[in-house]
Each structure stands twice: as C-alpha cells, then as structure tokens.
Amino acid sequence: MIHLDTSFLVRALVAHSSEESYLREWLAGGTPVRVSSIVWAEFLCGPVEESHINLAAQVFPEPIPFTGEDAARAARLFNLTGRRRGSLTDCMIAAIAVRSRAAVASSNPRDFRRFEAAELKVLAL
C-alpha cells in the first residue's frame, strides 16, 4: 500500500507531472493508493480548484482516519525527531502510514526520511 503526502497529491493533479505518471501507473497496476485524513485536510486548505477537489475525491473517496493510536505515535515521532517547528503534520501523516504498513510517496521525501528509524517506508522516486 502507498500513502500519498499532500505535496505528492497536489502535484499528481498537474497534467504530465512525474507524480501524475507514478499515480496512474500505481492505479493501473492495482497498487492500493490512499490518503490520510490529515493529507485530505491539508489539501482542502488550498489553494485548490473545485475541479481538483472533485477529481481527488473520486480517486480517494474515503481518507484513512487519524486515531488515538496515531496521535500517540505522532507525538513520539515529534519528540524523537527533535520537536521541529512545523513538523507535527508530517509526524501525523507518518504515524498513519506506519499503522497502515504503507510506504509514503512524497514530492519532498526528505521531510519523511527522519521517520525511517521508526518503521516508516519512504518511496525513493
């Protein structure tokens, strides 16, 4: 399973981008691709066109929820990785992916590499 982060989702909606190509390939090959409720919320904060929201909602009709277990794991990740300002959202996305045993696809993989020691798989694209 692959979880997209927000940067990847946004860029996957750009025609002819590498992210769009990867997403099409994964979906055509039957690879499960999901987004978390955290990614979905960030995406909806925009700026984003209504047509892109509708398209993303068709591809990802039910984002994976953020649970209490995820909250505890996100807090551990936040503390383990130096309590970096602005990184809590990435910790939350990583926590959901770890629970789901999913790899994260990001246009900014460096944002997630620091979580690999905590069992997060980051796709090298």
N, C-alpha and C. Protein backbone atom coordinates (compact mmCIF):
# COMPACT_ATOMS: atom_id res chain seq x y z
N MET A 1 0.84 -1.18 0.00
CA MET A 1 0.00 0.00 0.00
C MET A 1 0.88 1.24 0.00
N ILE A 2 0.41 2.28 -0.68
CA ILE A 2 1.12 3.55 -0.75
C ILE A 2 0.20 4.64 -0.21
N HIS A 3 0.74 5.48 0.67
CA HIS A 3 0.03 6.67 1.14
C HIS A 3 0.70 7.89 0.51
N LEU A 4 -0.10 8.76 -0.05
CA LEU A 4 0.44 10.00 -0.61
C LEU A 4 0.50 11.07 0.47
N ASP A 5 1.55 11.86 0.45
CA ASP A 5 1.54 13.05 1.30
C ASP A 5 0.92 14.18 0.48
N THR A 6 0.71 15.31 1.12
CA THR A 6 -0.01 16.41 0.48
C THR A 6 0.72 16.94 -0.75
N SER A 7 2.02 17.08 -0.66
CA SER A 7 2.77 17.62 -1.80
C SER A 7 2.63 16.72 -3.02
N PHE A 8 2.64 15.41 -2.78
CA PHE A 8 2.50 14.47 -3.89
C PHE A 8 1.09 14.55 -4.48
N LEU A 9 0.08 14.60 -3.63
CA LEU A 9 -1.30 14.69 -4.11
C LEU A 9 -1.50 15.94 -4.95
N VAL A 10 -1.03 17.07 -4.48
CA VAL A 10 -1.18 18.32 -5.23
C VAL A 10 -0.52 18.21 -6.59
N ARG A 11 0.68 17.70 -6.63
CA ARG A 11 1.42 17.62 -7.90
C ARG A 11 0.87 16.53 -8.81
N ALA A 12 0.25 15.50 -8.23
CA ALA A 12 -0.34 14.43 -9.06
C ALA A 12 -1.51 14.95 -9.87
N LEU A 13 -2.07 16.07 -9.48
CA LEU A 13 -3.19 16.66 -10.21
C LEU A 13 -2.73 17.58 -11.34
N VAL A 14 -1.41 17.71 -11.50
CA VAL A 14 -0.84 18.52 -12.58
C VAL A 14 -0.55 17.59 -13.76
N ALA A 15 -1.20 17.89 -14.88
CA ALA A 15 -1.02 17.06 -16.07
C ALA A 15 0.45 16.96 -16.46
N HIS A 16 0.86 15.75 -16.77
CA HIS A 16 2.21 15.44 -17.27
C HIS A 16 3.31 15.58 -16.22
N SER A 17 2.94 15.70 -14.95
CA SER A 17 3.97 15.73 -13.90
C SER A 17 4.44 14.31 -13.63
N SER A 18 5.61 14.18 -13.03
CA SER A 18 6.09 12.85 -12.69
C SER A 18 5.18 12.20 -11.66
N GLU A 19 4.62 13.01 -10.75
CA GLU A 19 3.70 12.47 -9.74
C GLU A 19 2.44 11.91 -10.40
N GLU A 20 1.92 12.62 -11.40
CA GLU A 20 0.75 12.10 -12.11
C GLU A 20 1.09 10.76 -12.78
N SER A 21 2.25 10.67 -13.37
CA SER A 21 2.67 9.42 -14.02
C SER A 21 2.77 8.27 -13.03
N TYR A 22 3.40 8.52 -11.89
CA TYR A 22 3.50 7.48 -10.86
C TYR A 22 2.12 7.05 -10.39
N LEU A 23 1.26 8.00 -10.10
CA LEU A 23 -0.07 7.67 -9.60
C LEU A 23 -0.85 6.85 -10.62
N ARG A 24 -0.82 7.25 -11.87
CA ARG A 24 -1.51 6.49 -12.92
C ARG A 24 -0.96 5.06 -13.01
N GLU A 25 0.36 4.94 -12.94
CA GLU A 25 1.00 3.62 -13.01
C GLU A 25 0.56 2.73 -11.84
N TRP A 26 0.59 3.28 -10.64
CA TRP A 26 0.19 2.50 -9.46
C TRP A 26 -1.26 2.06 -9.56
N LEU A 27 -2.13 3.00 -9.92
CA LEU A 27 -3.55 2.67 -10.00
C LEU A 27 -3.83 1.65 -11.10
N ALA A 28 -3.18 1.81 -12.25
CA ALA A 28 -3.36 0.86 -13.36
C ALA A 28 -2.85 -0.52 -12.99
N GLY A 29 -1.80 -0.57 -12.15
CA GLY A 29 -1.22 -1.85 -11.74
C GLY A 29 -1.93 -2.47 -10.55
N GLY A 30 -2.94 -1.82 -10.04
CA GLY A 30 -3.69 -2.38 -8.92
C GLY A 30 -3.08 -2.14 -7.55
N THR A 31 -2.07 -1.29 -7.48
CA THR A 31 -1.47 -0.97 -6.19
C THR A 31 -2.44 -0.12 -5.38
N PRO A 32 -2.73 -0.52 -4.14
CA PRO A 32 -3.61 0.32 -3.31
C PRO A 32 -2.91 1.64 -2.98
N VAL A 33 -3.57 2.74 -3.29
CA VAL A 33 -3.04 4.08 -3.02
C VAL A 33 -4.11 4.82 -2.22
N ARG A 34 -3.68 5.41 -1.10
CA ARG A 34 -4.63 6.07 -0.21
C ARG A 34 -4.07 7.43 0.24
N VAL A 35 -4.94 8.22 0.83
CA VAL A 35 -4.52 9.43 1.51
C VAL A 35 -5.13 9.38 2.92
N SER A 36 -4.47 10.05 3.83
CA SER A 36 -4.97 10.11 5.20
C SER A 36 -5.89 11.31 5.36
N SER A 37 -6.63 11.31 6.44
CA SER A 37 -7.50 12.46 6.73
C SER A 37 -6.66 13.72 6.95
N ILE A 38 -5.43 13.55 7.41
CA ILE A 38 -4.55 14.70 7.62
C ILE A 38 -4.17 15.30 6.27
N VAL A 39 -3.78 14.45 5.33
CA VAL A 39 -3.44 14.91 3.97
C VAL A 39 -4.66 15.56 3.33
N TRP A 40 -5.82 14.92 3.50
CA TRP A 40 -7.04 15.46 2.89
C TRP A 40 -7.34 16.86 3.42
N ALA A 41 -7.20 17.06 4.72
CA ALA A 41 -7.45 18.37 5.32
C ALA A 41 -6.47 19.41 4.79
N GLU A 42 -5.19 19.04 4.72
CA GLU A 42 -4.19 19.97 4.19
C GLU A 42 -4.51 20.33 2.75
N PHE A 43 -4.87 19.33 1.96
CA PHE A 43 -5.20 19.53 0.55
C PHE A 43 -6.37 20.50 0.41
N LEU A 44 -7.42 20.30 1.20
CA LEU A 44 -8.61 21.15 1.11
C LEU A 44 -8.34 22.59 1.56
N CYS A 45 -7.28 22.80 2.34
CA CYS A 45 -6.93 24.17 2.76
C CYS A 45 -6.48 25.01 1.57
N GLY A 46 -6.05 24.34 0.50
CA GLY A 46 -5.72 25.01 -0.75
C GLY A 46 -4.52 25.93 -0.68
N PRO A 47 -4.44 26.74 -1.71
CA PRO A 47 -5.48 26.98 -2.72
C PRO A 47 -5.62 25.77 -3.65
N VAL A 48 -6.87 25.44 -3.96
CA VAL A 48 -7.15 24.30 -4.83
C VAL A 48 -8.44 24.57 -5.59
N GLU A 49 -8.45 24.18 -6.84
CA GLU A 49 -9.64 24.36 -7.68
C GLU A 49 -10.69 23.31 -7.35
N GLU A 50 -11.94 23.70 -7.48
CA GLU A 50 -13.05 22.79 -7.21
C GLU A 50 -12.96 21.52 -8.06
N SER A 51 -12.52 21.67 -9.31
CA SER A 51 -12.40 20.50 -10.19
C SER A 51 -11.36 19.52 -9.66
N HIS A 52 -10.29 20.04 -9.05
CA HIS A 52 -9.26 19.17 -8.48
C HIS A 52 -9.77 18.47 -7.23
N ILE A 53 -10.57 19.17 -6.44
CA ILE A 53 -11.17 18.54 -5.26
C ILE A 53 -12.07 17.40 -5.70
N ASN A 54 -12.89 17.64 -6.71
CA ASN A 54 -13.80 16.60 -7.20
C ASN A 54 -13.05 15.40 -7.75
N LEU A 55 -11.99 15.65 -8.50
CA LEU A 55 -11.19 14.55 -9.06
C LEU A 55 -10.53 13.75 -7.94
N ALA A 56 -9.91 14.45 -6.99
CA ALA A 56 -9.24 13.75 -5.89
C ALA A 56 -10.24 12.96 -5.06
N ALA A 57 -11.44 13.49 -4.88
CA ALA A 57 -12.47 12.78 -4.12
C ALA A 57 -12.92 11.52 -4.83
N GLN A 58 -12.88 11.51 -6.14
CA GLN A 58 -13.22 10.30 -6.89
C GLN A 58 -12.14 9.24 -6.72
N VAL A 59 -10.90 9.65 -6.75
CA VAL A 59 -9.79 8.71 -6.63
C VAL A 59 -9.62 8.24 -5.18
N PHE A 60 -9.87 9.14 -4.23
CA PHE A 60 -9.68 8.85 -2.81
C PHE A 60 -10.97 9.17 -2.05
N PRO A 61 -11.99 8.32 -2.20
CA PRO A 61 -13.31 8.64 -1.63
C PRO A 61 -13.36 8.60 -0.10
N GLU A 62 -12.48 7.86 0.53
CA GLU A 62 -12.54 7.75 1.99
C GLU A 62 -11.13 7.82 2.58
N PRO A 63 -10.70 9.01 2.99
CA PRO A 63 -9.38 9.13 3.61
C PRO A 63 -9.27 8.27 4.88
N ILE A 64 -8.07 7.81 5.15
CA ILE A 64 -7.83 6.99 6.33
C ILE A 64 -7.87 7.89 7.56
N PRO A 65 -8.67 7.53 8.56
CA PRO A 65 -8.81 8.40 9.75
C PRO A 65 -7.56 8.42 10.62
N PHE A 66 -7.46 9.49 11.40
CA PHE A 66 -6.41 9.67 12.39
C PHE A 66 -6.97 9.20 13.72
N THR A 67 -6.33 8.22 14.33
CA THR A 67 -6.84 7.60 15.56
C THR A 67 -6.05 8.05 16.79
N GLY A 68 -6.52 7.64 17.93
CA GLY A 68 -5.78 7.89 19.17
C GLY A 68 -4.41 7.23 19.15
N GLU A 69 -4.35 6.03 18.60
CA GLU A 69 -3.07 5.34 18.45
C GLU A 69 -2.12 6.17 17.58
N ASP A 70 -2.66 6.74 16.51
CA ASP A 70 -1.85 7.58 15.62
C ASP A 70 -1.36 8.83 16.36
N ALA A 71 -2.23 9.41 17.20
CA ALA A 71 -1.85 10.60 17.95
C ALA A 71 -0.67 10.31 18.87
N ALA A 72 -0.72 9.17 19.54
CA ALA A 72 0.39 8.80 20.43
C ALA A 72 1.67 8.56 19.63
N ARG A 73 1.55 7.88 18.49
CA ARG A 73 2.74 7.62 17.66
C ARG A 73 3.28 8.93 17.09
N ALA A 74 2.41 9.82 16.65
CA ALA A 74 2.84 11.11 16.11
C ALA A 74 3.59 11.92 17.16
N ALA A 75 3.11 11.89 18.39
CA ALA A 75 3.79 12.60 19.47
C ALA A 75 5.18 12.01 19.72
N ARG A 76 5.27 10.68 19.69
CA ARG A 76 6.59 10.04 19.87
C ARG A 76 7.52 10.45 18.74
N LEU A 77 7.03 10.42 17.50
CA LEU A 77 7.86 10.82 16.36
C LEU A 77 8.31 12.27 16.49
N PHE A 78 7.39 13.13 16.90
CA PHE A 78 7.70 14.54 17.07
C PHE A 78 8.83 14.72 18.09
N ASN A 79 8.72 14.04 19.21
CA ASN A 79 9.73 14.15 20.25
C ASN A 79 11.05 13.50 19.84
N LEU A 80 10.98 12.34 19.20
CA LEU A 80 12.19 11.63 18.78
C LEU A 80 12.98 12.36 17.71
N THR A 81 12.31 13.16 16.93
CA THR A 81 12.99 13.83 15.80
C THR A 81 13.28 15.30 16.09
N GLY A 82 13.32 15.65 17.37
CA GLY A 82 13.82 16.97 17.74
C GLY A 82 12.78 18.06 17.89
N ARG A 83 11.50 17.71 17.94
CA ARG A 83 10.44 18.69 18.18
C ARG A 83 10.54 19.86 17.21
N ARG A 84 10.75 19.56 15.95
CA ARG A 84 10.97 20.57 14.92
C ARG A 84 9.70 21.36 14.64
N ARG A 85 9.82 22.65 14.68
CA ARG A 85 8.70 23.53 14.40
C ARG A 85 8.14 23.24 13.01
N GLY A 86 6.83 23.12 12.92
CA GLY A 86 6.18 22.89 11.63
C GLY A 86 6.19 21.44 11.18
N SER A 87 6.69 20.53 12.03
CA SER A 87 6.80 19.13 11.58
C SER A 87 5.69 18.22 12.12
N LEU A 88 4.80 18.74 12.95
CA LEU A 88 3.78 17.88 13.56
C LEU A 88 2.89 17.24 12.50
N THR A 89 2.52 17.97 11.48
CA THR A 89 1.67 17.40 10.42
C THR A 89 2.37 16.21 9.76
N ASP A 90 3.65 16.36 9.46
CA ASP A 90 4.40 15.23 8.88
C ASP A 90 4.44 14.05 9.84
N CYS A 91 4.57 14.32 11.12
CA CYS A 91 4.56 13.25 12.13
C CYS A 91 3.22 12.53 12.11
N MET A 92 2.13 13.28 11.96
CA MET A 92 0.80 12.68 11.92
C MET A 92 0.61 11.82 10.67
N ILE A 93 1.06 12.33 9.53
CA ILE A 93 0.97 11.56 8.28
C ILE A 93 1.80 10.29 8.39
N ALA A 94 3.01 10.41 8.93
CA ALA A 94 3.89 9.25 9.10
C ALA A 94 3.26 8.22 10.05
N ALA A 95 2.65 8.68 11.12
CA ALA A 95 2.04 7.77 12.10
C ALA A 95 0.94 6.92 11.45
N ILE A 96 0.11 7.54 10.64
CA ILE A 96 -0.96 6.79 9.96
C ILE A 96 -0.36 5.77 8.99
N ALA A 97 0.68 6.17 8.27
CA ALA A 97 1.32 5.26 7.32
C ALA A 97 1.95 4.07 8.04
N VAL A 98 2.60 4.32 9.17
CA VAL A 98 3.22 3.22 9.93
C VAL A 98 2.14 2.25 10.39
N ARG A 99 1.07 2.78 10.96
CA ARG A 99 -0.03 1.90 11.41
C ARG A 99 -0.59 1.07 10.25
N SER A 100 -0.69 1.68 9.09
CA SER A 100 -1.27 1.01 7.91
C SER A 100 -0.26 0.13 7.17
N ARG A 101 0.99 0.16 7.64
CA ARG A 101 2.08 -0.58 6.97
C ARG A 101 2.19 -0.16 5.51
N ALA A 102 2.09 1.14 5.29
CA ALA A 102 2.15 1.71 3.95
C ALA A 102 3.44 2.48 3.77
N ALA A 103 3.88 2.57 2.53
CA ALA A 103 5.01 3.42 2.18
C ALA A 103 4.46 4.81 1.86
N VAL A 104 5.23 5.83 2.16
CA VAL A 104 4.83 7.20 1.86
C VAL A 104 5.46 7.65 0.55
N ALA A 105 4.64 8.20 -0.32
CA ALA A 105 5.12 8.84 -1.54
C ALA A 105 5.03 10.34 -1.32
N SER A 106 6.16 11.02 -1.42
CA SER A 106 6.21 12.45 -1.18
C SER A 106 7.03 13.14 -2.25
N SER A 107 6.63 14.33 -2.61
CA SER A 107 7.46 15.14 -3.50
C SER A 107 8.62 15.75 -2.73
N ASN A 108 8.56 15.64 -1.41
CA ASN A 108 9.63 16.11 -0.52
C ASN A 108 10.03 14.97 0.41
N PRO A 109 10.63 13.90 -0.13
CA PRO A 109 10.91 12.72 0.70
C PRO A 109 11.81 13.01 1.88
N ARG A 110 12.62 14.04 1.79
CA ARG A 110 13.49 14.39 2.92
C ARG A 110 12.69 14.71 4.17
N ASP A 111 11.47 15.23 3.99
CA ASP A 111 10.60 15.53 5.14
C ASP A 111 10.26 14.28 5.93
N PHE A 112 10.30 13.11 5.27
CA PHE A 112 9.86 11.87 5.92
C PHE A 112 11.00 10.91 6.23
N ARG A 113 12.16 11.10 5.66
CA ARG A 113 13.28 10.18 5.89
C ARG A 113 13.64 10.07 7.37
N ARG A 114 13.45 11.12 8.12
CA ARG A 114 13.80 11.08 9.55
C ARG A 114 12.94 10.11 10.34
N PHE A 115 11.85 9.63 9.74
CA PHE A 115 10.96 8.68 10.41
C PHE A 115 11.25 7.23 10.04
N GLU A 116 12.22 7.00 9.17
CA GLU A 116 12.52 5.63 8.74
C GLU A 116 12.97 4.75 9.90
N ALA A 117 13.66 5.31 10.87
CA ALA A 117 14.10 4.53 12.03
C ALA A 117 12.91 4.06 12.86
N ALA A 118 11.76 4.71 12.66
CA ALA A 118 10.53 4.33 13.39
C ALA A 118 9.61 3.50 12.49
N GLU A 119 10.19 2.78 11.55
CA GLU A 119 9.48 1.81 10.71
C GLU A 119 8.71 2.43 9.54
N LEU A 120 8.89 3.69 9.24
CA LEU A 120 8.23 4.27 8.07
C LEU A 120 9.03 3.93 6.82
N LYS A 121 8.32 3.50 5.79
CA LYS A 121 8.92 3.26 4.50
C LYS A 121 8.67 4.50 3.64
N VAL A 122 9.74 5.05 3.05
CA VAL A 122 9.62 6.21 2.18
C VAL A 122 10.03 5.77 0.78
N LEU A 123 9.13 5.99 -0.18
CA LEU A 123 9.46 5.59 -1.55
C LEU A 123 10.54 6.49 -2.12
N ALA A 124 11.51 5.88 -2.77
CA ALA A 124 12.55 6.62 -3.48
C ALA A 124 12.10 6.77 -4.93
N LEU A 125 11.65 7.95 -5.27
CA LEU A 125 11.14 8.19 -6.62
C LEU A 125 12.05 9.10 -7.40
